[in-house]
Structures are given as C-alpha cells and as structure tokens.
C-alpha cells in the first residue's frame, strides 16, 4: 500500500497533476466501455430484475466475493445466490461508464440506481457506484470474481439520546 501511494505521488509530480486537481465526479465519468462487458452487465441486470437469482449467481465464479455496503463480504456462489434472493422486490439499472479486457481478466466500473419494494415495509431507493473484476473461465465465459458496490445515499443520522 505504501508503495502504491508513493508511486501515485511520484507519477503526479512527474506529470504535474496533483490529486487536488481532480474534481468530485458528478454523474457519469468519461471512459471507454467494452461492448461485450456492457452486454454481460445488461444480462446480469435483466436476470436480477426478474428475480432469477440462480442465473445471477451463475454469472459469478465459484469462489467469487460480493462486497456490499454495510455488510460483511459474501463469499462463494451459493452464498451469493442467497444474498441476492434476500433482495426480493428490488429493481436495478446499471450504467457502465468504463471497462476493459486484458487476457483472461477484465474490469468494469459504473453507477447503479435501485428501487426496493419489499413485501413488508415502505419502498425505498438507492443509487451508487460499482466496480467488478471478471475472469474468463476455461469454457470461454466471463464471470464476476469480485463485485463491490457502495451507495451515494448517506446513512440516516443516529437517534438523539
């Protein structure tokens, strides 16, 4: 980690770009997306939106990790399926803004918007960003190996005592 930070500082100094020069992102960030990865993201979104959690889980590697906000990491395809099954009533829109492939590894970054209509309790909405890492299996299929997302919606303030 220390080497990464030093490298970032050195690169910034060498290029004349300081971290303070990067404004906070508003909405989508510019970048290039790979059409095959965008197609996969839209297939994941479609399966999620019809609650086909078995299909969603099949898009992950056997040892994948999902890292949701305010939750412990979810490891393994069976646990990932159970995690998404608990999100019944949620609808999601993914908007990839950057992706690339290199050999048998790929990544995608984007934003999401989600509406949640649980069987009990009030409906809610969420929006945020995500990054996924994908691996190409021996069968040639791309599957998610790491999936992290976090909300742009602030947590509610704790009750006053």
C-alpha atoms as a PDB file:
ATOM      1  CA  UNK A   1       0.000   0.000   0.000  1.00  0.00           C
ATOM      2  CA  UNK A   2       2.840   2.362   0.912  1.00  0.00           C
ATOM      3  CA  UNK A   3       4.496   1.674  -2.471  1.00  0.00           C
ATOM      4  CA  UNK A   4       1.212   2.401  -4.265  1.00  0.00           C
ATOM      5  CA  UNK A   5       0.799   5.766  -2.542  1.00  0.00           C
ATOM      6  CA  UNK A   6       4.421   6.718  -3.215  1.00  0.00           C
ATOM      7  CA  UNK A   7       4.041   5.678  -6.868  1.00  0.00           C
ATOM      8  CA  UNK A   8       0.877   7.785  -7.198  1.00  0.00           C
ATOM      9  CA  UNK A   9       2.632  10.820  -5.699  1.00  0.00           C
ATOM     10  CA  UNK A  10       5.705  10.364  -7.916  1.00  0.00           C
ATOM     11  CA  UNK A  11       3.544   9.970 -11.026  1.00  0.00           C
ATOM     12  CA  UNK A  12       1.538  13.021 -10.047  1.00  0.00           C
ATOM     13  CA  UNK A  13       4.692  15.087  -9.580  1.00  0.00           C
ATOM     14  CA  UNK A  14       6.216  13.785 -12.808  1.00  0.00           C
ATOM     15  CA  UNK A  15       3.122  14.650 -14.818  1.00  0.00           C
ATOM     16  CA  UNK A  16       2.358  17.867 -12.980  1.00  0.00           C
ATOM     17  CA  UNK A  17      -1.033  16.565 -11.886  1.00  0.00           C
ATOM     18  CA  UNK A  18      -1.912  16.849  -8.212  1.00  0.00           C
ATOM     19  CA  UNK A  19      -4.714  14.908  -6.554  1.00  0.00           C
ATOM     20  CA  UNK A  20      -6.419  18.188  -5.621  1.00  0.00           C
ATOM     21  CA  UNK A  21      -6.883  18.912  -9.344  1.00  0.00           C
ATOM     22  CA  UNK A  22      -9.411  16.080  -9.721  1.00  0.00           C
ATOM     23  CA  UNK A  23     -12.915  17.439  -9.010  1.00  0.00           C
ATOM     24  CA  UNK A  24     -15.539  15.270  -7.368  1.00  0.00           C
ATOM     25  CA  UNK A  25     -17.354  13.232 -10.011  1.00  0.00           C
ATOM     26  CA  UNK A  26     -20.858  14.368 -10.807  1.00  0.00           C
ATOM     27  CA  UNK A  27     -22.912  11.705 -12.546  1.00  0.00           C
ATOM     28  CA  UNK A  28     -21.163   9.571 -15.118  1.00  0.00           C
ATOM     29  CA  UNK A  29     -17.446   9.711 -15.605  1.00  0.00           C
ATOM     30  CA  UNK A  30     -15.909   9.630 -19.075  1.00  0.00           C
ATOM     31  CA  UNK A  31     -14.304   6.431 -20.225  1.00  0.00           C
ATOM     32  CA  UNK A  32     -14.486   3.659 -22.766  1.00  0.00           C
ATOM     33  CA  UNK A  33     -16.650   0.593 -22.377  1.00  0.00           C
ATOM     34  CA  UNK A  34     -16.194  -2.794 -23.976  1.00  0.00           C
ATOM     35  CA  UNK A  35     -19.437  -3.859 -25.749  1.00  0.00           C
ATOM     36  CA  UNK A  36     -19.105  -7.492 -24.601  1.00  0.00           C
ATOM     37  CA  UNK A  37     -18.811  -6.429 -20.965  1.00  0.00           C
ATOM     38  CA  UNK A  38     -21.713  -3.994 -21.280  1.00  0.00           C
ATOM     39  CA  UNK A  39     -23.814  -6.816 -22.751  1.00  0.00           C
ATOM     40  CA  UNK A  40     -22.912  -9.024 -19.786  1.00  0.00           C
ATOM     41  CA  UNK A  41     -23.839  -6.215 -17.336  1.00  0.00           C
ATOM     42  CA  UNK A  42     -27.230  -5.847 -19.037  1.00  0.00           C
ATOM     43  CA  UNK A  43     -27.803  -9.630 -18.881  1.00  0.00           C
ATOM     44  CA  UNK A  44     -26.969  -9.538 -15.141  1.00  0.00           C
ATOM     45  CA  UNK A  45     -29.361  -6.598 -14.690  1.00  0.00           C
ATOM     46  CA  UNK A  46     -32.170  -8.395 -16.575  1.00  0.00           C
ATOM     47  CA  UNK A  47     -31.788 -11.594 -14.510  1.00  0.00           C
ATOM     48  CA  UNK A  48     -31.723  -9.574 -11.272  1.00  0.00           C
ATOM     49  CA  UNK A  49     -34.843  -7.616 -12.215  1.00  0.00           C
ATOM     50  CA  UNK A  50     -36.921 -10.773 -12.761  1.00  0.00           C
ATOM     51  CA  UNK A  51     -35.509 -12.305  -9.549  1.00  0.00           C
ATOM     52  CA  UNK A  52     -33.747 -15.119 -11.420  1.00  0.00           C
ATOM     53  CA  UNK A  53     -31.159 -15.400  -8.652  1.00  0.00           C
ATOM     54  CA  UNK A  54     -29.893 -18.756  -9.922  1.00  0.00           C
ATOM     55  CA  UNK A  55     -28.950 -17.086 -13.217  1.00  0.00           C
ATOM     56  CA  UNK A  56     -27.426 -14.108 -11.386  1.00  0.00           C
ATOM     57  CA  UNK A  57     -25.323 -16.471  -9.249  1.00  0.00           C
ATOM     58  CA  UNK A  58     -24.237 -18.434 -12.343  1.00  0.00           C
ATOM     59  CA  UNK A  59     -22.568 -15.248 -13.603  1.00  0.00           C
ATOM     60  CA  UNK A  60     -20.060 -15.430 -10.719  1.00  0.00           C
ATOM     61  CA  UNK A  61     -17.003 -17.656 -10.332  1.00  0.00           C
ATOM     62  CA  UNK A  62     -17.297 -20.468  -7.766  1.00  0.00           C
ATOM     63  CA  UNK A  63     -15.067 -18.532  -5.340  1.00  0.00           C
ATOM     64  CA  UNK A  64     -16.390 -15.033  -6.093  1.00  0.00           C
ATOM     65  CA  UNK A  65     -16.711 -12.312  -3.467  1.00  0.00           C
ATOM     66  CA  UNK A  66     -19.507  -9.719  -3.331  1.00  0.00           C
ATOM     67  CA  UNK A  67     -18.762  -6.736  -1.095  1.00  0.00           C
ATOM     68  CA  UNK A  68     -21.994  -4.821  -0.439  1.00  0.00           C
ATOM     69  CA  UNK A  69     -22.185  -1.650   1.645  1.00  0.00           C
ATOM     70  CA  UNK A  70     -22.746  -2.050   5.380  1.00  0.00           C
ATOM     71  CA  UNK A  71     -22.422  -5.830   5.118  1.00  0.00           C
ATOM     72  CA  UNK A  72     -19.737  -8.458   5.528  1.00  0.00           C
ATOM     73  CA  UNK A  73     -18.252  -9.851   2.297  1.00  0.00           C
ATOM     74  CA  UNK A  74     -20.355 -12.618   0.742  1.00  0.00           C
ATOM     75  CA  UNK A  75     -18.119 -15.465  -0.464  1.00  0.00           C
ATOM     76  CA  UNK A  76     -18.931 -18.293  -2.852  1.00  0.00           C
ATOM     77  CA  UNK A  77     -21.608 -18.761  -5.474  1.00  0.00           C
ATOM     78  CA  UNK A  78     -24.179 -20.429  -3.149  1.00  0.00           C
ATOM     79  CA  UNK A  79     -23.912 -17.625  -0.586  1.00  0.00           C
ATOM     80  CA  UNK A  80     -24.104 -15.009  -3.338  1.00  0.00           C
ATOM     81  CA  UNK A  81     -27.319 -16.614  -4.598  1.00  0.00           C
ATOM     82  CA  UNK A  82     -28.806 -16.493  -1.083  1.00  0.00           C
ATOM     83  CA  UNK A  83     -27.713 -12.851  -0.680  1.00  0.00           C
ATOM     84  CA  UNK A  84     -29.469 -11.753  -3.866  1.00  0.00           C
ATOM     85  CA  UNK A  85     -32.534 -13.864  -3.072  1.00  0.00           C
ATOM     86  CA  UNK A  86     -32.969 -11.753   0.068  1.00  0.00           C
ATOM     87  CA  UNK A  87     -33.246  -8.675  -2.170  1.00  0.00           C
ATOM     88  CA  UNK A  88     -36.666  -9.746  -3.458  1.00  0.00           C
ATOM     89  CA  UNK A  89     -38.669  -6.822  -4.806  1.00  0.00           C
ATOM     90  CA  UNK A  90     -35.621  -4.806  -5.908  1.00  0.00           C
ATOM     91  CA  UNK A  91     -35.245  -3.415  -9.430  1.00  0.00           C
ATOM     92  CA  UNK A  92     -31.898  -2.193 -10.670  1.00  0.00           C
ATOM     93  CA  UNK A  93     -30.452  -0.188 -13.535  1.00  0.00           C
ATOM     94  CA  UNK A  94     -26.717  -0.492 -14.239  1.00  0.00           C
ATOM     95  CA  UNK A  95     -24.880   2.177 -16.219  1.00  0.00           C
ATOM     96  CA  UNK A  96     -21.333   1.076 -17.069  1.00  0.00           C
ATOM     97  CA  UNK A  97     -19.014   4.015 -17.745  1.00  0.00           C
ATOM     98  CA  UNK A  98     -15.656   2.280 -18.126  1.00  0.00           C
ATOM     99  CA  UNK A  99     -14.485  -1.254 -18.855  1.00  0.00           C
ATOM    100  CA  UNK A 100     -11.590  -3.089 -20.425  1.00  0.00           C
ATOM    101  CA  UNK A 101     -10.253  -6.592 -21.018  1.00  0.00           C
ATOM    102  CA  UNK A 102      -6.680  -7.822 -20.809  1.00  0.00           C
ATOM    103  CA  UNK A 103      -6.073 -11.516 -21.374  1.00  0.00           C
ATOM    104  CA  UNK A 104      -8.351 -13.507 -19.073  1.00  0.00           C
ATOM    105  CA  UNK A 105      -9.081 -10.588 -16.734  1.00  0.00           C
ATOM    106  CA  UNK A 106     -11.454  -7.664 -17.181  1.00  0.00           C
ATOM    107  CA  UNK A 107     -12.956  -4.895 -15.120  1.00  0.00           C
ATOM    108  CA  UNK A 108     -15.998  -2.689 -15.307  1.00  0.00           C
ATOM    109  CA  UNK A 109     -16.946   0.424 -13.344  1.00  0.00           C
ATOM    110  CA  UNK A 110     -20.304   2.127 -13.375  1.00  0.00           C
ATOM    111  CA  UNK A 111     -23.225   3.532 -11.495  1.00  0.00           C
ATOM    112  CA  UNK A 112     -26.472   1.964 -10.358  1.00  0.00           C
ATOM    113  CA  UNK A 113     -29.961   3.025  -9.379  1.00  0.00           C
ATOM    114  CA  UNK A 114     -32.187   0.685  -7.408  1.00  0.00           C
ATOM    115  CA  UNK A 115     -35.770   0.763  -6.209  1.00  0.00           C
ATOM    116  CA  UNK A 116     -36.777  -1.611  -3.449  1.00  0.00           C
ATOM    117  CA  UNK A 117     -40.404  -2.595  -2.843  1.00  0.00           C
ATOM    118  CA  UNK A 118     -40.358  -5.153  -0.028  1.00  0.00           C
ATOM    119  CA  UNK A 119     -43.429  -7.233   0.841  1.00  0.00           C
ATOM    120  CA  UNK A 120     -43.488  -5.502   4.213  1.00  0.00           C
ATOM    121  CA  UNK A 121     -42.272  -2.013   4.971  1.00  0.00           C
ATOM    122  CA  UNK A 122     -42.036   1.126   2.878  1.00  0.00           C
ATOM    123  CA  UNK A 123     -40.423   1.242  -0.560  1.00  0.00           C
ATOM    124  CA  UNK A 124     -37.016   2.876  -0.845  1.00  0.00           C
ATOM    125  CA  UNK A 125     -34.475   3.900  -3.451  1.00  0.00           C
ATOM    126  CA  UNK A 126     -30.718   3.783  -3.644  1.00  0.00           C
ATOM    127  CA  UNK A 127     -28.066   4.961  -6.069  1.00  0.00           C
ATOM    128  CA  UNK A 128     -24.349   4.475  -6.085  1.00  0.00           C
ATOM    129  CA  UNK A 129     -21.357   3.110  -7.933  1.00  0.00           C
ATOM    130  CA  UNK A 130     -19.758  -0.275  -8.500  1.00  0.00           C
ATOM    131  CA  UNK A 131     -16.589  -1.970  -9.689  1.00  0.00           C
ATOM    132  CA  UNK A 132     -16.423  -5.580 -10.805  1.00  0.00           C
ATOM    133  CA  UNK A 133     -13.484  -7.773 -11.773  1.00  0.00           C
ATOM    134  CA  UNK A 134     -14.214 -10.562 -14.210  1.00  0.00           C
ATOM    135  CA  UNK A 135     -12.281 -13.716 -15.094  1.00  0.00           C
ATOM    136  CA  UNK A 136     -12.619 -15.719 -18.289  1.00  0.00           C
ATOM    137  CA  UNK A 137     -13.172 -19.379 -17.440  1.00  0.00           C
ATOM    138  CA  UNK A 138     -11.789 -22.395 -19.258  1.00  0.00           C
ATOM    139  CA  UNK A 139     -15.174 -22.528 -21.050  1.00  0.00           C
ATOM    140  CA  UNK A 140     -14.504 -19.048 -22.504  1.00  0.00           C
ATOM    141  CA  UNK A 141     -17.268 -17.383 -20.443  1.00  0.00           C
ATOM    142  CA  UNK A 142     -16.685 -14.189 -18.484  1.00  0.00           C
ATOM    143  CA  UNK A 143     -17.759 -14.413 -14.831  1.00  0.00           C
ATOM    144  CA  UNK A 144     -17.549 -11.938 -11.982  1.00  0.00           C
ATOM    145  CA  UNK A 145     -14.889 -12.777  -9.419  1.00  0.00           C
ATOM    146  CA  UNK A 146     -15.110  -9.593  -7.324  1.00  0.00           C
ATOM    147  CA  UNK A 147     -18.111  -7.298  -7.048  1.00  0.00           C
ATOM    148  CA  UNK A 148     -18.083  -4.218  -4.850  1.00  0.00           C
ATOM    149  CA  UNK A 149     -20.723  -1.524  -4.728  1.00  0.00           C
ATOM    150  CA  UNK A 150     -21.449   1.357  -2.425  1.00  0.00           C
ATOM    151  CA  UNK A 151     -24.236   3.832  -2.006  1.00  0.00           C
ATOM    152  CA  UNK A 152     -24.204   7.558  -2.653  1.00  0.00           C
ATOM    153  CA  UNK A 153     -27.130   7.905  -0.219  1.00  0.00           C
ATOM    154  CA  UNK A 154     -25.981   8.970   3.257  1.00  0.00           C
ATOM    155  CA  UNK A 155     -26.829   6.736   6.187  1.00  0.00           C
ATOM    156  CA  UNK A 156     -29.550   8.145   8.432  1.00  0.00           C
ATOM    157  CA  UNK A 157     -28.372  10.093  11.443  1.00  0.00           C
ATOM    158  CA  UNK A 158     -28.401   8.121  14.688  1.00  0.00           C
ATOM    159  CA  UNK A 159     -31.299   8.930  17.021  1.00  0.00           C
ATOM    160  CA  UNK A 160     -30.642  11.659  19.569  1.00  0.00           C
ATOM    161  CA  UNK A 161     -30.403  10.404  23.118  1.00  0.00           C
END
